[in-house]
Structures are given as C-alpha cells and as structure tokens.
Amino acid sequence: MGAGDGGQVPAAVPLAPRRGRGRPRTRPPSPPRLQERDRHLLGLLAVARYLDADQIGRLCFPGRHRTRAGVRLWQLADESGGASWPPFVRSIEARFPDGTPRQAWALTDTGYRVAEDLLGLVKRPNRDTAPQFMAHALATTELLVQLLAAGLRSEPGLRGEASRSLPPMARVSDFAHADDPRYRWIASDSAQRPWSEYDQAKNVRHSRELRPDAILEVPAARVRLFVECEMGTQTVSPLVADAPGSTLNKLTRYASFLNEGADVDPLGVNRTFYDQSFADGFLPELLFLVQSAARERTVASAVEPALATWQQANPGRRPPVVRVAQVAGAVQHVQSLASAAPPRPSGPEPEALPRLSRNEIQLLVDFYGATQSAFKTLRDTARAQGATPPEYPARIAEVHKLLERLRR
C-alpha cells in the first residue's frame, strides 16, 4: 500500500542473505586441499628459500596467466587473516637496489613440514634475508628457475603464438618437480664452508669461511658449481687489499680453498679444504653469474689475466675452472653437463676384473701409505741438504682416490 492511499507505510521486511559472493561468512574458511602441484610448489620454496610470484608461475603454472600463481599463493598464505588454520607460505618485503618494492615468498613452519614429506629433512634458515638483499637472492635463484622450467609444457587451453613460444616438452609433467634428480641446489645459508688462509708476512693462519650465493650440483656429470651472483654493486678489481666483495678477491679465495691443504687423510695424503668438505670426487667450477652483457665482458676480461698471474705465483697448483655468464648462458652450460652421457670405450668389452678381498685392498692401502711416507722422508731430507726434493710419482692423486673407492 502506498502513502497516498492514507494507510500506514509497512515496516521494511529484512531481505534474506544473498547466496554466493555477497553471503556473509558464518565460519572461518577451511584450509586449501593440497594437490600434487602444491606439494612441489612448497618443495621448490624449501629448496630455493625465496621465489617471487613470477618465478613460481613459470615453475608451477607454465603458460597460465601471470596472476594464477599469485592467487594460489594468496590461498596458501591466507593473506586475509581470517583462517583458523596455519598458513603454508608467507610473503616477505623485498626491494630492488633502486628502492623499487618487490614481494618474495617463503615457507612457514607448516610449509616446511609438508616439503619434508617430499624431500626429507630440510635445513631451515635461522633468519630471513634483509629486504635490501632480497633482489640478489632472487637473481641467484633465477638460474635454478630457468633450469627447472625449461621444457615444461603449457597448460591445456594455451593456443597460438603463446604455445609455440615455449620450448619443446622435455618432460611429461606440467609443473617443475622439487626433487628433480638432474640437479641439486644448496641455498646460501647451507653452502658456507670453513677454511683457513696462511699469511706469509705474519707467519699465521687466519680462519676463513667460504660463502657462495649457492652451490649447484650436476650428479650425471659429477660437477659442482659454486655460484657467485654479480649484481654490479661491487668492484671487479679490488681498490684496497681488504675488499672481500670484489670479483678478483673472490677468485683468489676459491683458488686457495680448492688447492690449500686442510689435513692428512688415513692414506697419508694431504687433503685440500675442498676435499675435506666434499669427499665425492665431483669436479669444482666457479660460476660468476652476471646481469648484463657489459658486466660479462668486464668480468671475463679481468678473470683471465688474474688466473694467469695466480698460476705463475703458485706453480704446480691447479687454477680453478671459472665461467662468467648471464643466466641464459649458464643454463645452456649446465644443461649440456646434465645431458652429456659418459663416453663409451671403443673396442671389445673389457673382461670383468676379479673382486678383491678386504685383506687384498688393505694390502694395497698399506703399500701406498708406505710409499707415500718414504717419498715424504726423501723430500724432507733433500730440503734439509739444500737439494731439490724429488717429485711424487705421477697420478698419485688418482691412485689415492681409487683406493678410497675400494675401501668403501
């Protein structure tokens, strides 16, 4: 009835709550159901420590709209704060060197527990990387992202040029696997290695710690790469003697770590700090990961003469294998290592060698140790008499590694 009819205006009738989008929540949202893709997403964050939404999108949602990864991260984190369940991921503030804000993602304790179901025990960082250094961390993990994203197929429904622009499918899955056996990534907080440096001028040994930005292992090639991400904020050649961030000072530290003796093993052979940290026989390489072609040329032109100078000052020692590359070049190098099959010997198959007993192996070990000890005595006697000490037999290091394998 209207007001012009002279009657009373009826009281407003309360409307029923709308279904769907406008419906008020009467209970907190339930936790998201984790799919296999989510478990590997959490595993990838456990391995890399930090990734941004774009990197996660390329790893876990290839070919999808760039917002898809952000939506799923928001669900796993419950950024609204209304959930009664512990979140799996969390966002972290990051800043580019010029101050531009950026968001990175990391795991919560709950996320680490899920990742450990996939990967086994994972070392957790004691504290987060500071916002001003997060861009450096993301630039380092970009190498891992591009390695794992290479060959992923696009999601169903992607057509046209966007589909053809993706690399050929190398694997069946449409998301990267955190436990990909081709690569092993060790994040910076787990990559530190102790060593010591001898100061000839003061006749003292200083304790040092090697701090690579990451370590990348390629098991198929038995190669270990120490990754140093160069953002261009440090000098290439040190302006002062004590400039640990300069590129060439890093090169000198790695050369010492790979060559200087740490102790003597049970066979009586001096072990380098590298051998002490890694007993698997992987060949080490030093990778300077640069962000531009100009920086690549600058670093490469400085590294080559520095290696020559170091070798002249350290005769008889092996200079480190050094590569300077942008991410794309580094990815190609690592992929070539992972795909290279070990050479097959030509000619007829060799006859199988008889198995050695433990006593026979110990006999070889004892003979090797006695020979090495005799040479050491001869060398010490020669030095005391002012004579040139005799060289150890050729390929002694290879024989030493062979005996170590036989003893296992």
Protein backbone atom coordinates (compact mmCIF):
# COMPACT_ATOMS: atom_id res chain seq x y z
CA MET A 1 0.00 0.00 0.00
CA GLY A 2 1.36 3.47 -0.90
CA ALA A 3 1.45 6.63 1.26
CA GLY A 4 -1.13 8.36 -0.99
CA ASP A 5 -3.76 5.79 -0.01
CA GLY A 6 -3.90 7.17 3.52
CA GLY A 7 -2.77 3.91 5.13
CA GLN A 8 0.33 3.23 7.17
CA VAL A 9 3.64 2.51 5.49
CA PRO A 10 4.55 -1.10 6.22
CA ALA A 11 7.77 -1.79 8.07
CA ALA A 12 10.74 -2.80 5.94
CA VAL A 13 10.97 -6.53 5.52
CA PRO A 14 14.53 -7.85 6.08
CA LEU A 15 15.96 -9.40 2.98
CA ALA A 16 17.29 -12.92 3.02
CA PRO A 17 21.07 -13.13 2.77
CA ARG A 18 22.25 -13.37 -0.81
CA ARG A 19 23.84 -16.59 -1.92
CA GLY A 20 27.26 -16.67 -3.36
CA ARG A 21 29.55 -13.74 -3.43
CA GLY A 22 27.72 -11.39 -1.05
CA ARG A 23 26.83 -14.02 1.51
CA PRO A 24 28.31 -13.26 4.94
CA ARG A 25 30.59 -15.95 6.31
CA THR A 26 29.35 -17.71 9.42
CA ARG A 27 32.52 -19.77 9.91
CA PRO A 28 36.21 -19.38 9.02
CA PRO A 29 37.35 -20.76 5.68
CA SER A 30 38.62 -24.32 5.54
CA PRO A 31 42.27 -24.97 4.66
CA PRO A 32 43.03 -25.44 0.97
CA ARG A 33 43.23 -29.01 -0.21
CA LEU A 34 46.83 -29.59 -1.27
CA GLN A 35 47.30 -31.04 -4.73
CA GLU A 36 50.48 -32.65 -6.04
CA ARG A 37 51.34 -29.34 -7.72
CA ASP A 38 51.05 -27.55 -4.36
CA ARG A 39 53.37 -30.03 -2.67
CA HIS A 40 56.05 -29.44 -5.28
CA LEU A 41 55.46 -25.68 -5.05
CA LEU A 42 56.22 -25.88 -1.34
CA GLY A 43 59.17 -28.17 -2.06
CA LEU A 44 60.60 -25.68 -4.54
CA LEU A 45 60.37 -22.92 -1.94
CA ALA A 46 62.16 -25.19 0.53
CA VAL A 47 64.99 -25.73 -1.96
CA ALA A 48 65.30 -22.15 -3.21
CA ARG A 49 64.32 -20.46 0.09
CA TYR A 50 62.82 -17.45 -1.73
CA LEU A 51 60.89 -17.05 -5.00
CA ASP A 52 58.64 -14.33 -6.35
CA ALA A 53 55.21 -14.94 -7.89
CA ASP A 54 56.56 -14.69 -11.46
CA GLN A 55 59.16 -17.39 -10.79
CA ILE A 56 56.59 -19.64 -9.12
CA GLY A 57 54.25 -19.09 -12.07
CA ARG A 58 56.88 -20.27 -14.55
CA LEU A 59 57.68 -23.32 -12.42
CA CYS A 60 54.21 -24.43 -11.34
CA PHE A 61 51.75 -22.79 -13.75
CA PRO A 62 53.55 -22.63 -17.12
CA GLY A 63 51.55 -20.89 -19.80
CA ARG A 64 48.86 -19.67 -17.41
CA HIS A 65 48.02 -16.03 -16.80
CA ARG A 66 50.61 -14.34 -14.61
CA THR A 67 48.04 -13.79 -11.83
CA ARG A 68 47.35 -17.52 -11.41
CA ALA A 69 50.38 -18.12 -9.22
CA GLY A 70 49.56 -15.08 -7.09
CA VAL A 71 46.02 -16.32 -6.47
CA ARG A 72 47.22 -19.73 -5.35
CA LEU A 73 49.91 -18.21 -3.12
CA TRP A 74 47.26 -15.98 -1.55
CA GLN A 75 45.15 -19.07 -0.82
CA LEU A 76 48.08 -20.96 0.69
CA ALA A 77 49.03 -17.95 2.80
CA ASP A 78 45.52 -16.73 3.68
CA GLU A 79 46.62 -13.12 3.40
CA SER A 80 43.13 -12.06 4.52
CA GLY A 81 43.92 -13.31 8.01
CA GLY A 82 40.50 -14.90 8.55
CA ALA A 83 41.54 -18.55 8.56
CA SER A 84 41.78 -20.77 11.62
CA TRP A 85 44.49 -22.97 10.08
CA PRO A 86 48.23 -22.24 9.94
CA PRO A 87 49.33 -20.89 6.54
CA PHE A 88 51.81 -22.74 4.34
CA VAL A 89 53.62 -19.74 2.84
CA ARG A 90 54.25 -16.13 3.77
CA SER A 91 55.12 -13.00 1.88
CA ILE A 92 58.32 -11.05 2.53
CA GLU A 93 59.13 -7.48 1.63
CA ALA A 94 61.90 -7.04 -0.89
CA ARG A 95 63.46 -4.02 -2.56
CA PHE A 96 65.46 -3.58 -5.73
CA PRO A 97 68.76 -1.68 -5.41
CA ASP A 98 66.97 1.45 -6.68
CA GLY A 99 64.37 1.17 -3.90
CA THR A 100 61.57 -0.31 -6.02
CA PRO A 101 59.40 -2.57 -3.80
CA ARG A 102 59.02 -6.25 -4.62
CA GLN A 103 57.34 -9.18 -2.94
CA ALA A 104 59.01 -12.51 -2.31
CA TRP A 105 57.56 -15.70 -0.88
CA ALA A 106 58.95 -18.15 1.68
CA LEU A 107 57.68 -21.11 3.69
CA THR A 108 56.17 -21.15 7.16
CA ASP A 109 56.91 -23.99 9.59
CA THR A 110 53.80 -25.77 8.29
CA GLY A 111 55.04 -25.38 4.73
CA TYR A 112 58.43 -26.82 5.65
CA ARG A 113 56.76 -29.86 7.22
CA VAL A 114 54.86 -30.55 4.01
CA ALA A 115 58.03 -30.06 1.94
CA GLU A 116 59.92 -32.51 4.14
CA ASP A 117 57.36 -35.20 3.35
CA LEU A 118 58.56 -34.84 -0.24
CA LEU A 119 62.25 -34.04 0.16
CA GLY A 120 63.25 -35.44 3.51
CA LEU A 121 64.81 -33.31 6.23
CA VAL A 122 65.37 -29.72 5.06
CA LYS A 123 67.63 -27.24 6.83
CA ARG A 124 65.67 -24.09 7.65
CA PRO A 125 67.34 -20.67 7.63
CA ASN A 126 67.80 -19.03 11.02
CA ARG A 127 66.56 -15.68 9.76
CA ASP A 128 65.21 -14.08 6.61
CA THR A 129 67.34 -12.25 4.10
CA ALA A 130 67.10 -8.50 4.61
CA PRO A 131 64.77 -6.68 2.16
CA GLN A 132 67.66 -4.78 0.55
CA PHE A 133 69.39 -8.09 -0.30
CA MET A 134 66.32 -10.00 -1.45
CA ALA A 135 66.75 -8.90 -5.09
CA HIS A 136 70.20 -10.51 -5.00
CA ALA A 137 68.72 -13.75 -3.63
CA LEU A 138 66.02 -13.82 -6.33
CA ALA A 139 68.61 -13.12 -9.06
CA THR A 140 70.60 -16.12 -7.81
CA THR A 141 67.62 -18.49 -7.77
CA GLU A 142 66.69 -17.39 -11.30
CA LEU A 143 69.33 -19.85 -12.52
CA LEU A 144 67.51 -22.73 -10.79
CA VAL A 145 64.14 -21.47 -12.02
CA GLN A 146 65.18 -21.42 -15.66
CA LEU A 147 66.82 -24.84 -15.39
CA LEU A 148 63.70 -26.47 -13.95
CA ALA A 149 61.23 -24.54 -16.13
CA ALA A 150 62.97 -25.48 -19.39
CA GLY A 151 60.85 -27.97 -21.31
CA LEU A 152 57.68 -27.69 -19.23
CA ARG A 153 54.56 -27.99 -21.37
CA SER A 154 51.92 -25.30 -21.34
CA GLU A 155 48.61 -25.78 -19.60
CA PRO A 156 45.70 -27.14 -21.66
CA GLY A 157 43.92 -24.35 -23.47
CA LEU A 158 47.00 -22.34 -24.38
CA ARG A 159 46.97 -21.77 -28.11
CA GLY A 160 48.58 -19.74 -30.83
CA GLU A 161 51.86 -17.91 -30.55
CA ALA A 162 51.96 -18.25 -26.76
CA SER A 163 52.08 -22.03 -27.07
CA ARG A 164 54.65 -22.08 -29.86
CA SER A 165 56.97 -19.77 -27.94
CA LEU A 166 57.52 -22.36 -25.21
CA PRO A 167 60.49 -24.74 -25.52
CA PRO A 168 59.79 -28.31 -26.67
CA MET A 169 58.39 -30.51 -23.95
CA ALA A 170 61.24 -32.35 -22.33
CA ARG A 171 59.24 -33.89 -19.51
CA VAL A 172 55.71 -35.15 -19.16
CA SER A 173 54.72 -33.16 -16.09
CA ASP A 174 53.27 -29.69 -16.44
CA PHE A 175 54.98 -28.33 -13.34
CA ALA A 176 58.54 -28.46 -12.06
CA HIS A 177 59.44 -31.14 -9.54
CA ALA A 178 61.27 -30.11 -6.39
CA ASP A 179 63.03 -33.50 -6.32
CA ASP A 180 64.27 -33.32 -9.92
CA PRO A 181 67.25 -35.73 -9.94
CA ARG A 182 69.16 -33.78 -12.61
CA TYR A 183 70.17 -31.00 -10.24
CA ARG A 184 70.88 -30.47 -6.56
CA TRP A 185 70.62 -26.89 -5.30
CA ILE A 186 72.17 -25.85 -1.99
CA ALA A 187 70.98 -22.42 -0.84
CA SER A 188 73.36 -19.83 0.54
CA ASP A 189 72.55 -20.42 4.21
CA SER A 190 73.61 -24.08 3.82
CA ALA A 191 76.52 -23.53 1.43
CA GLN A 192 79.13 -22.00 3.78
CA ARG A 193 82.37 -23.95 4.02
CA PRO A 194 85.19 -23.30 6.56
CA TRP A 195 88.81 -22.98 5.53
CA SER A 196 91.94 -21.14 6.64
CA GLU A 197 94.42 -18.91 4.88
CA TYR A 198 98.13 -18.68 5.58
CA ASP A 199 99.60 -15.20 5.95
CA GLN A 200 103.27 -15.49 4.92
CA ALA A 201 104.14 -11.99 6.07
CA LYS A 202 102.96 -12.65 9.66
CA ASN A 203 103.50 -16.44 9.65
CA VAL A 204 99.98 -17.03 10.97
CA ARG A 205 96.92 -18.85 9.65
CA HIS A 206 93.60 -17.00 9.62
CA SER A 207 90.25 -18.78 9.87
CA ARG A 208 88.02 -18.04 6.90
CA GLU A 209 84.59 -19.06 5.66
CA LEU A 210 83.63 -19.51 2.03
CA ARG A 211 80.16 -18.05 1.39
CA PRO A 212 78.90 -18.84 -2.11
CA ASP A 213 75.50 -17.50 -3.08
CA ALA A 214 74.52 -21.08 -3.92
CA ILE A 215 76.00 -24.44 -4.85
CA LEU A 216 74.61 -26.28 -7.88
CA GLU A 217 75.47 -29.96 -8.29
CA VAL A 218 75.02 -31.92 -11.54
CA PRO A 219 75.26 -35.59 -10.50
CA ALA A 220 75.27 -37.00 -14.05
CA ALA A 221 78.42 -35.01 -14.88
CA ARG A 222 79.89 -35.21 -11.35
CA VAL A 223 80.37 -31.44 -11.39
CA ARG A 224 79.78 -28.96 -8.57
CA LEU A 225 79.34 -25.27 -9.39
CA PHE A 226 79.94 -22.56 -6.79
CA VAL A 227 77.59 -19.75 -7.83
CA GLU A 228 78.59 -16.14 -7.22
CA CYS A 229 75.84 -13.77 -8.35
CA GLU A 230 77.30 -10.46 -9.50
CA MET A 231 74.79 -7.61 -9.26
CA GLY A 232 77.31 -4.96 -10.36
CA THR A 233 77.39 -3.26 -6.97
CA GLN A 234 80.96 -4.40 -6.14
CA THR A 235 84.19 -3.62 -7.94
CA VAL A 236 85.79 -6.22 -10.21
CA SER A 237 89.39 -5.41 -9.23
CA PRO A 238 89.86 -4.56 -5.53
CA LEU A 239 90.57 -0.90 -4.89
CA VAL A 240 92.04 -1.80 -1.50
CA ALA A 241 93.66 -5.02 -0.28
CA ASP A 242 90.79 -5.94 2.04
CA ALA A 243 87.78 -5.83 -0.29
CA PRO A 244 86.06 -9.22 0.13
CA GLY A 245 83.22 -8.36 -2.24
CA SER A 246 85.41 -7.67 -5.26
CA THR A 247 85.30 -10.26 -8.01
CA LEU A 248 89.02 -10.96 -8.15
CA ASN A 249 89.30 -11.32 -4.37
CA LYS A 250 86.55 -13.94 -4.54
CA LEU A 251 88.53 -15.71 -7.26
CA THR A 252 91.64 -15.79 -5.05
CA ARG A 253 89.69 -17.21 -2.12
CA TYR A 254 88.25 -20.02 -4.23
CA ALA A 255 91.70 -20.83 -5.64
CA SER A 256 93.04 -21.19 -2.08
CA PHE A 257 90.04 -23.24 -0.94
CA LEU A 258 90.48 -25.67 -3.83
CA ASN A 259 94.26 -26.04 -3.50
CA GLU A 260 95.46 -25.47 0.06
CA GLY A 261 95.84 -28.42 2.41
CA ALA A 262 93.49 -28.88 5.32
CA ASP A 263 94.75 -32.13 6.87
CA VAL A 264 96.21 -35.55 6.10
CA ASP A 265 93.86 -38.44 5.36
CA PRO A 266 94.32 -42.06 6.61
CA LEU A 267 96.35 -42.84 3.48
CA GLY A 268 98.87 -40.14 4.36
CA VAL A 269 97.92 -37.75 1.56
CA ASN A 270 97.25 -34.08 2.12
CA ARG A 271 93.61 -33.17 1.62
CA THR A 272 92.56 -29.75 0.40
CA PHE A 273 89.79 -27.84 2.09
CA TYR A 274 87.58 -28.74 -0.86
CA ASP A 275 88.34 -32.46 -0.47
CA GLN A 276 87.62 -32.19 3.24
CA SER A 277 84.21 -30.62 2.60
CA PHE A 278 83.27 -32.82 -0.37
CA ALA A 279 84.57 -36.38 -0.50
CA ASP A 280 82.56 -37.42 -3.57
CA GLY A 281 85.16 -36.53 -6.20
CA PHE A 282 82.94 -34.03 -8.05
CA LEU A 283 84.91 -31.56 -10.17
CA PRO A 284 84.55 -27.99 -8.90
CA GLU A 285 83.74 -24.97 -11.06
CA LEU A 286 83.31 -21.33 -10.13
CA LEU A 287 80.42 -19.57 -11.88
CA PHE A 288 80.18 -15.78 -11.87
CA LEU A 289 76.52 -15.13 -12.70
CA VAL A 290 76.25 -11.61 -14.16
CA GLN A 291 73.25 -9.48 -15.07
CA SER A 292 74.31 -7.82 -18.33
CA ALA A 293 76.48 -8.38 -21.38
CA ALA A 294 78.66 -5.40 -20.41
CA ARG A 295 79.34 -6.85 -16.96
CA GLU A 296 80.06 -10.23 -18.54
CA ARG A 297 82.75 -8.71 -20.77
CA THR A 298 84.25 -6.74 -17.89
CA VAL A 299 84.47 -9.70 -15.51
CA ALA A 300 85.72 -12.13 -18.16
CA SER A 301 88.46 -9.73 -19.28
CA ALA A 302 89.66 -9.39 -15.67
CA VAL A 303 89.45 -13.07 -14.70
CA GLU A 304 91.70 -14.43 -17.46
CA PRO A 305 94.86 -12.45 -16.60
CA ALA A 306 94.17 -12.88 -12.88
CA LEU A 307 94.19 -16.66 -13.31
CA ALA A 308 97.45 -16.48 -15.26
CA THR A 309 99.05 -14.34 -12.54
CA TRP A 310 97.85 -16.72 -9.83
CA GLN A 311 99.27 -19.74 -11.66
CA GLN A 312 102.65 -18.07 -12.02
CA ALA A 313 102.69 -17.36 -8.29
CA ASN A 314 101.54 -20.90 -7.45
CA PRO A 315 103.45 -23.31 -9.70
CA GLY A 316 102.30 -26.90 -9.51
CA ARG A 317 98.80 -25.96 -8.36
CA ARG A 318 95.70 -26.24 -10.49
CA PRO A 319 93.80 -22.99 -11.12
CA PRO A 320 90.04 -23.17 -10.66
CA VAL A 321 87.74 -23.65 -13.65
CA VAL A 322 85.94 -20.31 -13.94
CA ARG A 323 82.92 -19.40 -16.07
CA VAL A 324 81.39 -15.96 -16.49
CA ALA A 325 77.88 -15.95 -17.92
CA GLN A 326 74.46 -14.41 -17.81
CA VAL A 327 71.61 -16.69 -16.74
CA ALA A 328 70.82 -17.91 -20.27
CA GLY A 329 74.44 -18.88 -20.93
CA ALA A 330 74.76 -20.54 -17.53
CA VAL A 331 71.59 -22.55 -18.19
CA GLN A 332 72.98 -23.80 -21.51
CA HIS A 333 76.24 -24.84 -19.85
CA VAL A 334 74.53 -26.72 -17.02
CA GLN A 335 72.08 -28.40 -19.41
CA SER A 336 75.00 -29.59 -21.55
CA LEU A 337 76.61 -31.07 -18.43
CA ALA A 338 73.41 -32.83 -17.39
CA SER A 339 72.70 -34.26 -20.84
CA ALA A 340 76.23 -35.37 -21.72
CA ALA A 341 76.45 -39.16 -21.50
CA PRO A 342 79.74 -40.60 -20.28
CA PRO A 343 81.90 -41.71 -23.23
CA ARG A 344 81.64 -45.37 -24.12
CA PRO A 345 85.02 -47.06 -24.65
CA SER A 346 85.65 -48.30 -28.18
CA GLY A 347 86.61 -51.87 -29.00
CA PRO A 348 85.53 -55.10 -27.32
CA GLU A 349 84.05 -55.16 -23.86
CA PRO A 350 86.80 -55.44 -21.24
CA GLU A 351 86.93 -58.57 -19.16
CA ALA A 352 85.46 -58.27 -15.70
CA LEU A 353 88.12 -57.86 -13.05
CA PRO A 354 88.09 -60.23 -10.08
CA ARG A 355 86.71 -58.88 -6.82
CA LEU A 356 89.33 -58.00 -4.24
CA SER A 357 89.02 -59.21 -0.68
CA ARG A 358 89.26 -56.79 2.23
CA ASN A 359 92.72 -58.12 3.06
CA GLU A 360 93.90 -57.55 -0.53
CA ILE A 361 92.54 -53.99 -0.50
CA GLN A 362 94.24 -53.30 2.82
CA LEU A 363 97.50 -54.66 1.36
CA LEU A 364 97.29 -52.06 -1.44
CA VAL A 365 96.46 -49.31 1.06
CA ASP A 366 99.41 -50.22 3.28
CA PHE A 367 101.79 -50.32 0.30
CA TYR A 368 100.53 -46.94 -0.91
CA GLY A 369 100.91 -45.42 2.57
CA ALA A 370 104.44 -46.77 2.96
CA THR A 371 105.44 -45.49 -0.48
CA GLN A 372 103.99 -42.06 0.20
CA SER A 373 105.74 -41.93 3.60
CA ALA A 374 109.08 -42.91 2.01
CA PHE A 375 108.77 -40.15 -0.56
CA LYS A 376 107.93 -37.65 2.16
CA THR A 377 111.11 -38.65 4.06
CA LEU A 378 113.19 -38.31 0.89
CA ARG A 379 111.75 -34.85 0.20
CA ASP A 380 112.36 -33.66 3.76
CA THR A 381 115.98 -34.96 3.62
CA ALA A 382 116.57 -33.21 0.29
CA ARG A 383 115.28 -29.91 1.63
CA ALA A 384 117.47 -30.20 4.72
CA GLN A 385 120.52 -30.69 2.47
CA GLY A 386 119.57 -27.77 0.22
CA ALA A 387 118.85 -30.09 -2.71
CA THR A 388 115.82 -30.17 -4.98
CA PRO A 389 113.28 -32.59 -3.47
CA PRO A 390 112.10 -35.41 -5.76
CA GLU A 391 108.59 -35.17 -7.17
CA TYR A 392 105.88 -37.56 -6.09
CA PRO A 393 105.01 -40.22 -8.70
CA ALA A 394 102.73 -39.04 -11.49
CA ARG A 395 98.99 -39.55 -10.99
CA ILE A 396 99.38 -40.19 -7.27
CA ALA A 397 96.17 -38.29 -6.56
CA GLU A 398 94.20 -40.54 -8.94
CA VAL A 399 95.58 -43.67 -7.26
CA HIS A 400 94.64 -42.20 -3.89
CA LYS A 401 91.02 -41.64 -4.98
CA LEU A 402 90.88 -45.16 -6.44
CA LEU A 403 91.99 -46.66 -3.12
CA GLU A 404 89.40 -44.56 -1.29
CA ARG A 405 86.70 -46.02 -3.55
CA LEU A 406 87.95 -49.56 -2.95
CA ARG A 407 87.86 -49.08 0.82
CA ARG A 408 84.15 -48.10 0.86
